[in-house]
Amino acid sequence: MSLLTIETLAAHTAQNPYTGWWAGLVIGFAVVVVVVIVVALILTYASRISDQTEDALEAFDAARAGTSPLARLEDTRSAAQEVLNAMRSARAALPGARS
């Protein structure tokens, strides 16, 4: 036989009919507290991630500003090549110049 029979359960609830309600309320309150704590932790970490993301974006913008002249490096190389070719042509046009 089981320890908890219908008769003992009925006798227990007849003496204190609100025991189940109190147990349910305590369990429900505990679940709500745990959920609130978890949500608070998630929001805290989300805020930290947002701050770190903003810092990273500022660093990327600074890096982009520092390296944007590199995009013009090909133009500079072409201009230097043209100057070098013009100097060689001018030197070849001088009398007594070696090739």
C-alpha atoms as a PDB file:
ATOM      1  CA  MET A   1       0.000   0.000   0.000  1.00  0.00           C
ATOM      2  CA  SER A   2       1.125   3.515  -0.593  1.00  0.00           C
ATOM      3  CA  LEU A   3       1.829   5.902   2.223  1.00  0.00           C
ATOM      4  CA  LEU A   4      -0.448   8.551   0.802  1.00  0.00           C
ATOM      5  CA  THR A   5      -3.971   7.338   0.301  1.00  0.00           C
ATOM      6  CA  ILE A   6      -7.041   9.268  -0.686  1.00  0.00           C
ATOM      7  CA  GLU A   7      -8.321   9.132   2.874  1.00  0.00           C
ATOM      8  CA  THR A   8      -5.133  10.658   4.346  1.00  0.00           C
ATOM      9  CA  LEU A   9      -5.054  13.320   1.638  1.00  0.00           C
ATOM     10  CA  ALA A  10      -8.679  14.179   2.293  1.00  0.00           C
ATOM     11  CA  ALA A  11      -8.055  14.333   6.031  1.00  0.00           C
ATOM     12  CA  HIS A  12      -5.012  16.582   5.540  1.00  0.00           C
ATOM     13  CA  THR A  13      -6.795  18.980   3.211  1.00  0.00           C
ATOM     14  CA  ALA A  14      -9.794  19.101   5.512  1.00  0.00           C
ATOM     15  CA  GLN A  15      -7.548  20.397   8.279  1.00  0.00           C
ATOM     16  CA  ASN A  16      -5.668  22.925   6.110  1.00  0.00           C
ATOM     17  CA  PRO A  17      -7.404  23.471   2.750  1.00  0.00           C
ATOM     18  CA  TYR A  18      -5.011  26.200   1.570  1.00  0.00           C
ATOM     19  CA  THR A  19      -1.746  24.267   1.768  1.00  0.00           C
ATOM     20  CA  GLY A  20      -1.713  23.542  -1.950  1.00  0.00           C
ATOM     21  CA  TRP A  21      -2.436  27.153  -2.785  1.00  0.00           C
ATOM     22  CA  TRP A  22       0.403  28.395  -0.614  1.00  0.00           C
ATOM     23  CA  ALA A  23       2.787  25.880  -2.105  1.00  0.00           C
ATOM     24  CA  GLY A  24       1.727  26.933  -5.590  1.00  0.00           C
ATOM     25  CA  LEU A  25       2.176  30.604  -4.754  1.00  0.00           C
ATOM     26  CA  VAL A  26       5.641  30.020  -3.290  1.00  0.00           C
ATOM     27  CA  ILE A  27       6.728  27.977  -6.306  1.00  0.00           C
ATOM     28  CA  GLY A  28       5.262  30.571  -8.696  1.00  0.00           C
ATOM     29  CA  PHE A  29       6.995  33.404  -6.850  1.00  0.00           C
ATOM     30  CA  ALA A  30      10.302  31.542  -6.972  1.00  0.00           C
ATOM     31  CA  VAL A  31       9.924  30.978 -10.723  1.00  0.00           C
ATOM     32  CA  VAL A  32       9.129  34.657 -11.295  1.00  0.00           C
ATOM     33  CA  VAL A  33      12.157  35.742  -9.232  1.00  0.00           C
ATOM     34  CA  VAL A  34      14.438  33.433 -11.220  1.00  0.00           C
ATOM     35  CA  VAL A  35      13.049  34.722 -14.526  1.00  0.00           C
ATOM     36  CA  VAL A  36      13.514  38.347 -13.426  1.00  0.00           C
ATOM     37  CA  ILE A  37      17.116  37.651 -12.417  1.00  0.00           C
ATOM     38  CA  VAL A  38      17.860  35.923 -15.743  1.00  0.00           C
ATOM     39  CA  VAL A  39      16.286  38.765 -17.745  1.00  0.00           C
ATOM     40  CA  ALA A  40      18.244  41.332 -15.715  1.00  0.00           C
ATOM     41  CA  LEU A  41      21.485  39.472 -16.449  1.00  0.00           C
ATOM     42  CA  ILE A  42      20.644  39.277 -20.146  1.00  0.00           C
ATOM     43  CA  LEU A  43      19.922  43.015 -20.279  1.00  0.00           C
ATOM     44  CA  THR A  44      23.148  43.785 -18.414  1.00  0.00           C
ATOM     45  CA  TYR A  45      25.219  41.719 -20.824  1.00  0.00           C
ATOM     46  CA  ALA A  46      23.386  43.231 -23.799  1.00  0.00           C
ATOM     47  CA  SER A  47      24.263  46.698 -22.522  1.00  0.00           C
ATOM     48  CA  ARG A  48      27.916  45.730 -22.127  1.00  0.00           C
ATOM     49  CA  ILE A  49      27.976  44.278 -25.641  1.00  0.00           C
ATOM     50  CA  SER A  50      26.422  47.479 -26.977  1.00  0.00           C
ATOM     51  CA  ASP A  51      29.091  49.600 -25.276  1.00  0.00           C
ATOM     52  CA  GLN A  52      31.870  47.392 -26.621  1.00  0.00           C
ATOM     53  CA  THR A  53      30.348  47.520 -30.094  1.00  0.00           C
ATOM     54  CA  GLU A  54      30.308  51.316 -30.019  1.00  0.00           C
ATOM     55  CA  ASP A  55      33.969  51.338 -28.941  1.00  0.00           C
ATOM     56  CA  ALA A  56      34.861  48.931 -31.749  1.00  0.00           C
ATOM     57  CA  LEU A  57      33.021  51.045 -34.333  1.00  0.00           C
ATOM     58  CA  GLU A  58      34.896  54.152 -33.174  1.00  0.00           C
ATOM     59  CA  ALA A  59      38.181  52.255 -33.529  1.00  0.00           C
ATOM     60  CA  PHE A  60      37.213  51.068 -37.020  1.00  0.00           C
ATOM     61  CA  ASP A  61      36.332  54.632 -38.044  1.00  0.00           C
ATOM     62  CA  ALA A  62      39.702  55.852 -36.774  1.00  0.00           C
ATOM     63  CA  ALA A  63      41.467  53.060 -38.666  1.00  0.00           C
ATOM     64  CA  ARG A  64      39.534  53.893 -41.828  1.00  0.00           C
ATOM     65  CA  ALA A  65      40.459  57.578 -41.523  1.00  0.00           C
ATOM     66  CA  GLY A  66      44.109  56.634 -40.986  1.00  0.00           C
ATOM     67  CA  THR A  67      44.292  54.313 -43.962  1.00  0.00           C
ATOM     68  CA  SER A  68      42.152  56.213 -46.487  1.00  0.00           C
ATOM     69  CA  PRO A  69      45.242  57.819 -48.098  1.00  0.00           C
ATOM     70  CA  LEU A  70      46.395  54.338 -49.070  1.00  0.00           C
ATOM     71  CA  ALA A  71      43.606  54.246 -51.648  1.00  0.00           C
ATOM     72  CA  ARG A  72      45.370  57.090 -53.460  1.00  0.00           C
ATOM     73  CA  LEU A  73      48.723  55.299 -53.417  1.00  0.00           C
ATOM     74  CA  GLU A  74      48.242  53.935 -56.949  1.00  0.00           C
ATOM     75  CA  ASP A  75      47.686  57.489 -58.234  1.00  0.00           C
ATOM     76  CA  THR A  76      50.863  58.617 -56.485  1.00  0.00           C
ATOM     77  CA  ARG A  77      52.824  55.722 -57.967  1.00  0.00           C
ATOM     78  CA  SER A  78      51.541  56.543 -61.470  1.00  0.00           C
ATOM     79  CA  ALA A  79      52.460  60.207 -61.089  1.00  0.00           C
ATOM     80  CA  ALA A  80      55.942  59.293 -59.838  1.00  0.00           C
ATOM     81  CA  GLN A  81      56.382  56.949 -62.811  1.00  0.00           C
ATOM     82  CA  GLU A  82      55.412  59.746 -65.199  1.00  0.00           C
ATOM     83  CA  VAL A  83      57.887  62.134 -63.541  1.00  0.00           C
ATOM     84  CA  LEU A  84      60.634  59.510 -63.776  1.00  0.00           C
ATOM     85  CA  ASN A  85      59.917  58.922 -67.469  1.00  0.00           C
ATOM     86  CA  ALA A  86      59.930  62.678 -68.118  1.00  0.00           C
ATOM     87  CA  MET A  87      63.272  63.036 -66.289  1.00  0.00           C
ATOM     88  CA  ARG A  88      64.800  60.218 -68.362  1.00  0.00           C
ATOM     89  CA  SER A  89      63.539  61.844 -71.554  1.00  0.00           C
ATOM     90  CA  ALA A  90      64.952  65.217 -70.499  1.00  0.00           C
ATOM     91  CA  ARG A  91      68.289  63.659 -69.578  1.00  0.00           C
ATOM     92  CA  ALA A  92      68.457  61.851 -72.928  1.00  0.00           C
ATOM     93  CA  ALA A  93      67.785  65.145 -74.717  1.00  0.00           C
ATOM     94  CA  LEU A  94      70.765  66.871 -73.060  1.00  0.00           C
ATOM     95  CA  PRO A  95      73.904  67.020 -75.146  1.00  0.00           C
ATOM     96  CA  GLY A  96      76.533  64.540 -74.070  1.00  0.00           C
ATOM     97  CA  ALA A  97      74.094  62.542 -71.936  1.00  0.00           C
ATOM     98  CA  ARG A  98      74.662  58.859 -71.381  1.00  0.00           C
ATOM     99  CA  SER A  99      71.778  56.538 -71.896  1.00  0.00           C
END
